[in-house]
């Protein structure tokens, strides 16, 4: 999974893929 934006930004992540955002939050 590519991390283009910082993990502290859940807004843009949620707009793309909520599942990806959750995984990034865990890491």
C-alpha atoms as a PDB file:
ATOM      1  CA  UNK A   1       0.000   0.000   0.000  1.00  0.00           C
ATOM      2  CA  UNK A   2       1.446   3.343  -1.032  1.00  0.00           C
ATOM      3  CA  UNK A   3       1.541   6.128   1.513  1.00  0.00           C
ATOM      4  CA  UNK A   4       1.357   9.369  -0.455  1.00  0.00           C
ATOM      5  CA  UNK A   5      -0.182  11.444   2.336  1.00  0.00           C
ATOM      6  CA  UNK A   6       0.697  11.483   6.064  1.00  0.00           C
ATOM      7  CA  UNK A   7      -1.169   9.114   8.377  1.00  0.00           C
ATOM      8  CA  UNK A   8      -2.338  12.118  10.383  1.00  0.00           C
ATOM      9  CA  UNK A   9      -4.630  13.054   7.480  1.00  0.00           C
ATOM     10  CA  UNK A  10      -7.601  10.641   7.631  1.00  0.00           C
ATOM     11  CA  UNK A  11      -9.791  12.969   5.553  1.00  0.00           C
ATOM     12  CA  UNK A  12      -8.136  12.490   2.134  1.00  0.00           C
ATOM     13  CA  UNK A  13      -7.626   8.832   2.965  1.00  0.00           C
ATOM     14  CA  UNK A  14     -11.316   8.293   3.725  1.00  0.00           C
ATOM     15  CA  UNK A  15     -12.165   9.933   0.417  1.00  0.00           C
ATOM     16  CA  UNK A  16     -10.009   7.400  -1.448  1.00  0.00           C
ATOM     17  CA  UNK A  17     -10.295   4.146   0.486  1.00  0.00           C
ATOM     18  CA  UNK A  18     -11.557   3.797   4.062  1.00  0.00           C
ATOM     19  CA  UNK A  19      -9.966   0.349   4.412  1.00  0.00           C
ATOM     20  CA  UNK A  20      -6.562   1.700   3.401  1.00  0.00           C
ATOM     21  CA  UNK A  21      -6.939   4.490   5.956  1.00  0.00           C
ATOM     22  CA  UNK A  22      -7.713   1.987   8.723  1.00  0.00           C
ATOM     23  CA  UNK A  23      -4.615  -0.064   7.910  1.00  0.00           C
ATOM     24  CA  UNK A  24      -2.469   3.082   7.909  1.00  0.00           C
ATOM     25  CA  UNK A  25      -3.942   4.072  11.261  1.00  0.00           C
ATOM     26  CA  UNK A  26      -2.903   0.723  12.759  1.00  0.00           C
ATOM     27  CA  UNK A  27       0.668   1.147  11.583  1.00  0.00           C
END
